[in-house]
Amino acid sequence: MQGNITGLFLFLAPTYGLPMVSENNSLVSIINGAGAGIEAIYVIIFLIYTPKKERGKVLGLLIIVLTIFLAVALVSLFALHHKHRTIFCGIAAATFSIIMYASPLSIMRMVIKTKSVEYMPFFLSLFVFLCGTSWFIYGLLGRDPFVAVPNGFGSGLGALQLMLYGVYRNHKGGAKNASIDDESLRMGNMMEMGLQKPSQAQKKNDTNQ
């Protein structure tokens, strides 16, 4: 869920692509505007079905995201002009794009710890890599560091996720199954001990009789 909240920072990327901010970058506004809309739908669905306790946390994060977005938009529109506006919005968009790409790092840590890719879908990792690589090349060709740098970072993280998937793809659920087997063995030993004690006590009683 926090990944979807982080994805809402994509609202900052369309502002960088607006004609009043940077020229010939309408494609950035269209693509990232569509992405922000999809992320907003995810968040709304989550808020509808989530328990009240979790809903409060998400609403808090959502308010922070929207506040930052409004602050960036107001500063860029009324306090900055021309080149300074482009640099300010570009840095903001690049920073939060990197945060968005970095949000799966906790999942990557879990994969390494559990040696299981159960919680890291292959196609999500694949398209993170493809998306980051495509925009990285686009930024290089257009000589736009605010597009190239964050998406180069995303391309690298996507590649790392695919490498992890390749290493641990055959260990899916291995850690969980191992813990279940250990627990089953422990319970079996306890049951065996519990059954042996009455039988030993019964033999002792038979001997006394």
C-alpha atoms as a PDB file:
ATOM      1  CA  MET A   1       0.000   0.000   0.000  1.00  0.00           C
ATOM      2  CA  GLN A   2       2.817   2.416   0.778  1.00  0.00           C
ATOM      3  CA  GLY A   3       4.078   1.770  -2.759  1.00  0.00           C
ATOM      4  CA  ASN A   4       0.788   3.089  -4.145  1.00  0.00           C
ATOM      5  CA  ILE A   5       0.979   6.150  -1.903  1.00  0.00           C
ATOM      6  CA  THR A   6       4.539   6.708  -3.075  1.00  0.00           C
ATOM      7  CA  GLY A   7       3.307   6.329  -6.641  1.00  0.00           C
ATOM      8  CA  LEU A   8       1.033   9.312  -6.101  1.00  0.00           C
ATOM      9  CA  PHE A   9       4.174  11.437  -6.138  1.00  0.00           C
ATOM     10  CA  LEU A  10       3.872  10.914  -9.902  1.00  0.00           C
ATOM     11  CA  PHE A  11       1.575  13.943  -9.670  1.00  0.00           C
ATOM     12  CA  LEU A  12       4.837  15.917  -9.552  1.00  0.00           C
ATOM     13  CA  ALA A  13       6.151  14.468 -12.828  1.00  0.00           C
ATOM     14  CA  PRO A  14       3.324  15.823 -15.026  1.00  0.00           C
ATOM     15  CA  THR A  15       3.987  19.326 -13.688  1.00  0.00           C
ATOM     16  CA  TYR A  16       7.552  19.083 -15.027  1.00  0.00           C
ATOM     17  CA  GLY A  17       6.231  18.207 -18.474  1.00  0.00           C
ATOM     18  CA  LEU A  18       3.803  21.153 -18.715  1.00  0.00           C
ATOM     19  CA  PRO A  19       4.608  23.686 -21.474  1.00  0.00           C
ATOM     20  CA  MET A  20       4.933  26.503 -18.921  1.00  0.00           C
ATOM     21  CA  VAL A  21       7.648  24.501 -17.106  1.00  0.00           C
ATOM     22  CA  SER A  22       9.650  22.740 -19.835  1.00  0.00           C
ATOM     23  CA  GLU A  23       9.258  22.778 -23.596  1.00  0.00           C
ATOM     24  CA  ASN A  24       8.571  19.741 -25.791  1.00  0.00           C
ATOM     25  CA  ASN A  25       7.898  17.443 -22.835  1.00  0.00           C
ATOM     26  CA  SER A  26       4.170  16.876 -23.234  1.00  0.00           C
ATOM     27  CA  LEU A  27       4.758  13.095 -23.416  1.00  0.00           C
ATOM     28  CA  VAL A  28       6.039  13.199 -19.822  1.00  0.00           C
ATOM     29  CA  SER A  29       2.822  14.878 -18.664  1.00  0.00           C
ATOM     30  CA  ILE A  30       0.562  12.457 -20.548  1.00  0.00           C
ATOM     31  CA  ILE A  31       2.249   9.226 -19.405  1.00  0.00           C
ATOM     32  CA  ASN A  32       2.821  10.233 -15.804  1.00  0.00           C
ATOM     33  CA  GLY A  33      -0.609  11.838 -15.560  1.00  0.00           C
ATOM     34  CA  ALA A  34      -2.163   8.511 -16.593  1.00  0.00           C
ATOM     35  CA  GLY A  35       0.047   6.704 -14.046  1.00  0.00           C
ATOM     36  CA  ALA A  36      -0.996   9.094 -11.285  1.00  0.00           C
ATOM     37  CA  GLY A  37      -4.656   8.499 -12.156  1.00  0.00           C
ATOM     38  CA  ILE A  38      -4.238   4.715 -11.933  1.00  0.00           C
ATOM     39  CA  GLU A  39      -2.422   5.014  -8.595  1.00  0.00           C
ATOM     40  CA  ALA A  40      -5.242   7.242  -7.311  1.00  0.00           C
ATOM     41  CA  ILE A  41      -7.772   4.525  -8.218  1.00  0.00           C
ATOM     42  CA  TYR A  42      -5.688   1.939  -6.313  1.00  0.00           C
ATOM     43  CA  VAL A  43      -5.651   4.150  -3.229  1.00  0.00           C
ATOM     44  CA  ILE A  44      -9.413   4.804  -3.392  1.00  0.00           C
ATOM     45  CA  ILE A  45     -10.156   1.068  -3.642  1.00  0.00           C
ATOM     46  CA  PHE A  46      -7.817   0.406  -0.706  1.00  0.00           C
ATOM     47  CA  LEU A  47      -9.497   3.095   1.396  1.00  0.00           C
ATOM     48  CA  ILE A  48     -12.927   1.614   0.686  1.00  0.00           C
ATOM     49  CA  TYR A  49     -12.065  -1.900   1.837  1.00  0.00           C
ATOM     50  CA  THR A  50      -9.353  -1.391   4.448  1.00  0.00           C
ATOM     51  CA  PRO A  51     -10.031  -1.516   8.235  1.00  0.00           C
ATOM     52  CA  LYS A  52     -10.497   1.836   9.985  1.00  0.00           C
ATOM     53  CA  LYS A  53      -7.158   1.678  11.793  1.00  0.00           C
ATOM     54  CA  GLU A  54      -5.173   1.203   8.583  1.00  0.00           C
ATOM     55  CA  ARG A  55      -7.360   3.737   6.769  1.00  0.00           C
ATOM     56  CA  GLY A  56      -6.261   6.484   9.153  1.00  0.00           C
ATOM     57  CA  LYS A  57      -2.575   5.808   8.434  1.00  0.00           C
ATOM     58  CA  VAL A  58      -3.129   5.847   4.681  1.00  0.00           C
ATOM     59  CA  LEU A  59      -5.166   9.043   4.839  1.00  0.00           C
ATOM     60  CA  GLY A  60      -2.338  10.648   6.805  1.00  0.00           C
ATOM     61  CA  LEU A  61       0.191   9.674   4.138  1.00  0.00           C
ATOM     62  CA  LEU A  62      -2.162  10.835   1.406  1.00  0.00           C
ATOM     63  CA  ILE A  63      -2.544  14.259   3.034  1.00  0.00           C
ATOM     64  CA  ILE A  64       1.263  14.590   3.224  1.00  0.00           C
ATOM     65  CA  VAL A  65       1.618  13.690  -0.469  1.00  0.00           C
ATOM     66  CA  LEU A  66      -1.055  16.153  -1.594  1.00  0.00           C
ATOM     67  CA  THR A  67       0.376  18.897   0.623  1.00  0.00           C
ATOM     68  CA  ILE A  68       3.828  18.481  -0.936  1.00  0.00           C
ATOM     69  CA  PHE A  69       2.281  18.474  -4.414  1.00  0.00           C
ATOM     70  CA  LEU A  70       0.367  21.696  -3.739  1.00  0.00           C
ATOM     71  CA  ALA A  71       3.448  23.346  -2.235  1.00  0.00           C
ATOM     72  CA  VAL A  72       5.576  22.481  -5.288  1.00  0.00           C
ATOM     73  CA  ALA A  73       2.841  23.630  -7.689  1.00  0.00           C
ATOM     74  CA  LEU A  74       2.269  26.962  -5.900  1.00  0.00           C
ATOM     75  CA  VAL A  75       5.975  27.750  -5.553  1.00  0.00           C
ATOM     76  CA  SER A  76       6.685  26.918  -9.189  1.00  0.00           C
ATOM     77  CA  LEU A  77       3.735  28.963 -10.485  1.00  0.00           C
ATOM     78  CA  PHE A  78       4.009  32.102  -8.363  1.00  0.00           C
ATOM     79  CA  ALA A  79       7.563  32.312  -7.000  1.00  0.00           C
ATOM     80  CA  LEU A  80       9.698  31.068  -9.889  1.00  0.00           C
ATOM     81  CA  HIS A  81       9.912  31.850 -13.578  1.00  0.00           C
ATOM     82  CA  HIS A  82      11.356  30.342 -16.756  1.00  0.00           C
ATOM     83  CA  LYS A  83      14.637  28.453 -16.163  1.00  0.00           C
ATOM     84  CA  HIS A  84      14.374  28.478 -12.351  1.00  0.00           C
ATOM     85  CA  ARG A  85      10.884  26.987 -12.563  1.00  0.00           C
ATOM     86  CA  THR A  86      12.154  24.208 -14.846  1.00  0.00           C
ATOM     87  CA  ILE A  87      15.037  23.348 -12.506  1.00  0.00           C
ATOM     88  CA  PHE A  88      12.827  23.398  -9.393  1.00  0.00           C
ATOM     89  CA  CYS A  89      10.091  21.172 -10.879  1.00  0.00           C
ATOM     90  CA  GLY A  90      12.672  18.906 -12.508  1.00  0.00           C
ATOM     91  CA  ILE A  91      14.502  18.300  -9.231  1.00  0.00           C
ATOM     92  CA  ALA A  92      11.205  17.654  -7.412  1.00  0.00           C
ATOM     93  CA  ALA A  93       9.982  15.236 -10.102  1.00  0.00           C
ATOM     94  CA  ALA A  94      13.332  13.411 -10.253  1.00  0.00           C
ATOM     95  CA  THR A  95      13.552  13.101  -6.450  1.00  0.00           C
ATOM     96  CA  PHE A  96      10.121  11.573  -6.038  1.00  0.00           C
ATOM     97  CA  SER A  97      10.562   9.332  -9.073  1.00  0.00           C
ATOM     98  CA  ILE A  98      13.620   7.878  -7.351  1.00  0.00           C
ATOM     99  CA  ILE A  99      11.579   7.416  -4.149  1.00  0.00           C
ATOM    100  CA  MET A 100       8.909   5.612  -6.159  1.00  0.00           C
ATOM    101  CA  TYR A 101      11.461   3.287  -7.768  1.00  0.00           C
ATOM    102  CA  ALA A 102      13.101   2.649  -4.372  1.00  0.00           C
ATOM    103  CA  SER A 103       9.840   1.616  -2.673  1.00  0.00           C
ATOM    104  CA  PRO A 104      10.328  -2.136  -3.523  1.00  0.00           C
ATOM    105  CA  LEU A 105      13.659  -2.226  -1.640  1.00  0.00           C
ATOM    106  CA  SER A 106      11.907  -3.643   1.432  1.00  0.00           C
ATOM    107  CA  ILE A 107      10.541  -6.477  -0.732  1.00  0.00           C
ATOM    108  CA  MET A 108      14.026  -7.152  -2.110  1.00  0.00           C
ATOM    109  CA  ARG A 109      15.319  -7.363   1.465  1.00  0.00           C
ATOM    110  CA  MET A 110      12.573  -9.882   2.270  1.00  0.00           C
ATOM    111  CA  VAL A 111      13.502 -11.965  -0.783  1.00  0.00           C
ATOM    112  CA  ILE A 112      17.148 -12.115   0.328  1.00  0.00           C
ATOM    113  CA  LYS A 113      16.173 -12.906   3.921  1.00  0.00           C
ATOM    114  CA  THR A 114      13.620 -15.632   3.126  1.00  0.00           C
ATOM    115  CA  LYS A 115      15.265 -16.839  -0.107  1.00  0.00           C
ATOM    116  CA  SER A 116      11.787 -16.761  -1.663  1.00  0.00           C
ATOM    117  CA  VAL A 117      10.313 -14.623  -4.475  1.00  0.00           C
ATOM    118  CA  GLU A 118       6.749 -15.265  -3.329  1.00  0.00           C
ATOM    119  CA  TYR A 119       6.139 -11.567  -2.603  1.00  0.00           C
ATOM    120  CA  MET A 120       7.993 -10.179  -5.647  1.00  0.00           C
ATOM    121  CA  PRO A 121       5.971 -10.827  -8.835  1.00  0.00           C
ATOM    122  CA  PHE A 122       8.092 -11.446 -11.897  1.00  0.00           C
ATOM    123  CA  PHE A 123       6.106  -9.263 -14.305  1.00  0.00           C
ATOM    124  CA  LEU A 124       6.177  -6.298 -11.921  1.00  0.00           C
ATOM    125  CA  SER A 125       9.981  -6.521 -11.762  1.00  0.00           C
ATOM    126  CA  LEU A 126      10.195  -6.999 -15.532  1.00  0.00           C
ATOM    127  CA  PHE A 127       8.126  -3.937 -16.376  1.00  0.00           C
ATOM    128  CA  VAL A 128       9.898  -1.790 -13.777  1.00  0.00           C
ATOM    129  CA  PHE A 129      13.091  -2.628 -15.640  1.00  0.00           C
ATOM    130  CA  LEU A 130      11.584  -2.041 -19.092  1.00  0.00           C
ATOM    131  CA  CYS A 131       9.904   1.212 -18.064  1.00  0.00           C
ATOM    132  CA  GLY A 132      13.032   2.573 -16.393  1.00  0.00           C
ATOM    133  CA  THR A 133      15.234   1.588 -19.328  1.00  0.00           C
ATOM    134  CA  SER A 134      12.899   3.119 -21.927  1.00  0.00           C
ATOM    135  CA  TRP A 135      12.634   6.451 -20.121  1.00  0.00           C
ATOM    136  CA  PHE A 136      16.359   6.424 -19.394  1.00  0.00           C
ATOM    137  CA  ILE A 137      17.111   6.146 -23.115  1.00  0.00           C
ATOM    138  CA  TYR A 138      14.486   8.818 -23.858  1.00  0.00           C
ATOM    139  CA  GLY A 139      16.142  11.154 -21.357  1.00  0.00           C
ATOM    140  CA  LEU A 140      19.589  10.513 -22.832  1.00  0.00           C
ATOM    141  CA  LEU A 141      18.418  11.180 -26.376  1.00  0.00           C
ATOM    142  CA  GLY A 142      16.675  14.354 -25.265  1.00  0.00           C
ATOM    143  CA  ARG A 143      19.618  15.359 -23.055  1.00  0.00           C
ATOM    144  CA  ASP A 144      17.235  15.759 -20.129  1.00  0.00           C
ATOM    145  CA  PRO A 145      18.917  14.809 -16.818  1.00  0.00           C
ATOM    146  CA  PHE A 146      15.642  15.129 -14.896  1.00  0.00           C
ATOM    147  CA  VAL A 147      14.261  12.233 -16.955  1.00  0.00           C
ATOM    148  CA  ALA A 148      17.451  10.217 -17.478  1.00  0.00           C
ATOM    149  CA  VAL A 149      18.814  10.134 -13.904  1.00  0.00           C
ATOM    150  CA  PRO A 150      15.775   8.834 -11.949  1.00  0.00           C
ATOM    151  CA  ASN A 151      14.858   6.346 -14.662  1.00  0.00           C
ATOM    152  CA  GLY A 152      18.429   5.121 -14.904  1.00  0.00           C
ATOM    153  CA  PHE A 153      18.165   4.451 -11.162  1.00  0.00           C
ATOM    154  CA  GLY A 154      14.865   2.637 -11.765  1.00  0.00           C
ATOM    155  CA  SER A 155      16.376   0.577 -14.566  1.00  0.00           C
ATOM    156  CA  GLY A 156      19.194  -0.519 -12.259  1.00  0.00           C
ATOM    157  CA  LEU A 157      16.793  -1.482  -9.468  1.00  0.00           C
ATOM    158  CA  GLY A 158      14.617  -3.384 -11.946  1.00  0.00           C
ATOM    159  CA  ALA A 159      17.672  -5.294 -13.139  1.00  0.00           C
ATOM    160  CA  LEU A 160      18.558  -6.166  -9.528  1.00  0.00           C
ATOM    161  CA  GLN A 161      15.027  -7.462  -8.941  1.00  0.00           C
ATOM    162  CA  LEU A 162      15.259  -9.670 -12.026  1.00  0.00           C
ATOM    163  CA  MET A 163      18.628 -11.010 -10.824  1.00  0.00           C
ATOM    164  CA  LEU A 164      17.138 -11.835  -7.425  1.00  0.00           C
ATOM    165  CA  TYR A 165      14.247 -13.561  -9.144  1.00  0.00           C
ATOM    166  CA  GLY A 166      16.664 -15.611 -11.229  1.00  0.00           C
ATOM    167  CA  VAL A 167      18.640 -16.646  -8.129  1.00  0.00           C
ATOM    168  CA  TYR A 168      15.685 -17.525  -5.869  1.00  0.00           C
ATOM    169  CA  ARG A 169      12.959 -18.542  -8.338  1.00  0.00           C
ATOM    170  CA  ASN A 170      13.326 -22.225  -7.442  1.00  0.00           C
ATOM    171  CA  HIS A 171      13.171 -21.498  -3.697  1.00  0.00           C
ATOM    172  CA  LYS A 172       9.631 -20.108  -3.715  1.00  0.00           C
ATOM    173  CA  GLY A 173       8.019 -20.895  -0.398  1.00  0.00           C
ATOM    174  CA  GLY A 174      11.082 -22.851   0.698  1.00  0.00           C
ATOM    175  CA  ALA A 175      11.574 -20.927   3.914  1.00  0.00           C
ATOM    176  CA  LYS A 176       7.899 -21.214   4.801  1.00  0.00           C
ATOM    177  CA  ASN A 177       7.796 -24.954   4.062  1.00  0.00           C
ATOM    178  CA  ALA A 178      10.964 -25.488   6.094  1.00  0.00           C
ATOM    179  CA  SER A 179       9.488 -23.721   9.116  1.00  0.00           C
ATOM    180  CA  ILE A 180       6.276 -25.743   8.752  1.00  0.00           C
ATOM    181  CA  ASP A 181       8.267 -28.992   8.541  1.00  0.00           C
ATOM    182  CA  ASP A 182      10.274 -28.065  11.634  1.00  0.00           C
ATOM    183  CA  GLU A 183       7.099 -27.252  13.523  1.00  0.00           C
ATOM    184  CA  SER A 184       5.475 -30.501  12.414  1.00  0.00           C
ATOM    185  CA  LEU A 185       8.540 -32.465  13.527  1.00  0.00           C
ATOM    186  CA  ARG A 186       8.552 -30.731  16.899  1.00  0.00           C
ATOM    187  CA  MET A 187       4.838 -31.401  17.408  1.00  0.00           C
ATOM    188  CA  GLY A 188       5.336 -35.017  16.362  1.00  0.00           C
ATOM    189  CA  ASN A 189       8.113 -35.468  18.918  1.00  0.00           C
ATOM    190  CA  MET A 190       5.936 -33.934  21.645  1.00  0.00           C
ATOM    191  CA  MET A 191       3.028 -36.220  20.770  1.00  0.00           C
ATOM    192  CA  GLU A 192       5.337 -39.222  20.728  1.00  0.00           C
ATOM    193  CA  MET A 193       6.699 -38.340  24.165  1.00  0.00           C
ATOM    194  CA  GLY A 194       3.164 -37.806  25.457  1.00  0.00           C
ATOM    195  CA  LEU A 195       2.096 -41.227  24.230  1.00  0.00           C
ATOM    196  CA  GLN A 196       5.170 -42.971  25.603  1.00  0.00           C
ATOM    197  CA  LYS A 197       4.752 -41.712  29.168  1.00  0.00           C
ATOM    198  CA  PRO A 198       1.349 -43.344  29.815  1.00  0.00           C
ATOM    199  CA  SER A 199       2.562 -46.601  28.314  1.00  0.00           C
ATOM    200  CA  GLN A 200       5.614 -46.599  30.605  1.00  0.00           C
ATOM    201  CA  ALA A 201       3.431 -45.771  33.585  1.00  0.00           C
ATOM    202  CA  GLN A 202       1.072 -48.592  32.612  1.00  0.00           C
ATOM    203  CA  LYS A 203       3.978 -51.047  32.446  1.00  0.00           C
ATOM    204  CA  LYS A 204       5.091 -49.970  35.930  1.00  0.00           C
ATOM    205  CA  ASN A 205       1.594 -50.514  37.319  1.00  0.00           C
ATOM    206  CA  ASP A 206       1.385 -53.927  35.718  1.00  0.00           C
ATOM    207  CA  THR A 207       4.714 -54.882  37.308  1.00  0.00           C
ATOM    208  CA  ASN A 208       3.574 -53.784  40.786  1.00  0.00           C
ATOM    209  CA  GLN A 209       0.391 -55.781  40.451  1.00  0.00           C
END
